[in-house]
């Protein structure tokens, strides 16, 4: 419906509040905050979201986190599901993507070895690969052993630290 500028809109659209978005995301994923096990033990060296890159002198947006760990450390599925991708992917090196159903996916990158295959059904805790090296040439930790980890609801990247148990 068209409303001229001089007549106020009787049904204005109210902006969404942040906590409403989080609740909808949680319901869509059907997982509670701080409920998923870590894919490996390590220290977060790069966080989700906006980050200033000194080398490029610009802001970048990360869709996941980087976790420093020793190369060869087993990487485990954080939830049961079906492997839908296992192989090389862009600047993320060897990658595994697990579809957990209902639009919930996890992505594991910088893997040295892949220990699963497309179509395999995995359980939480199953080893899907081993930690490799950061392959992103301009990123913090480049060349160091690390795991790249994402949580997605459909095509939307979500902050993994919201869903992983304790920091």
Foldseek 3Di string as FASTA:
>chain_A
DDDPPVDDDPDDDDDDDPVVVVVVVCVLVVAAWQAWAAQFDFAWPAFAAWDQQPVVRGIDGHLWTKGADDWFTFGWARAKFFWADFAQDDQQGTKIWGDPDSQKIKIKGQFPFAPDDGGDTDGTGDGGGTWHARRDPRDPRHGGTIITMWITRHPHTDTVNRHHHDD
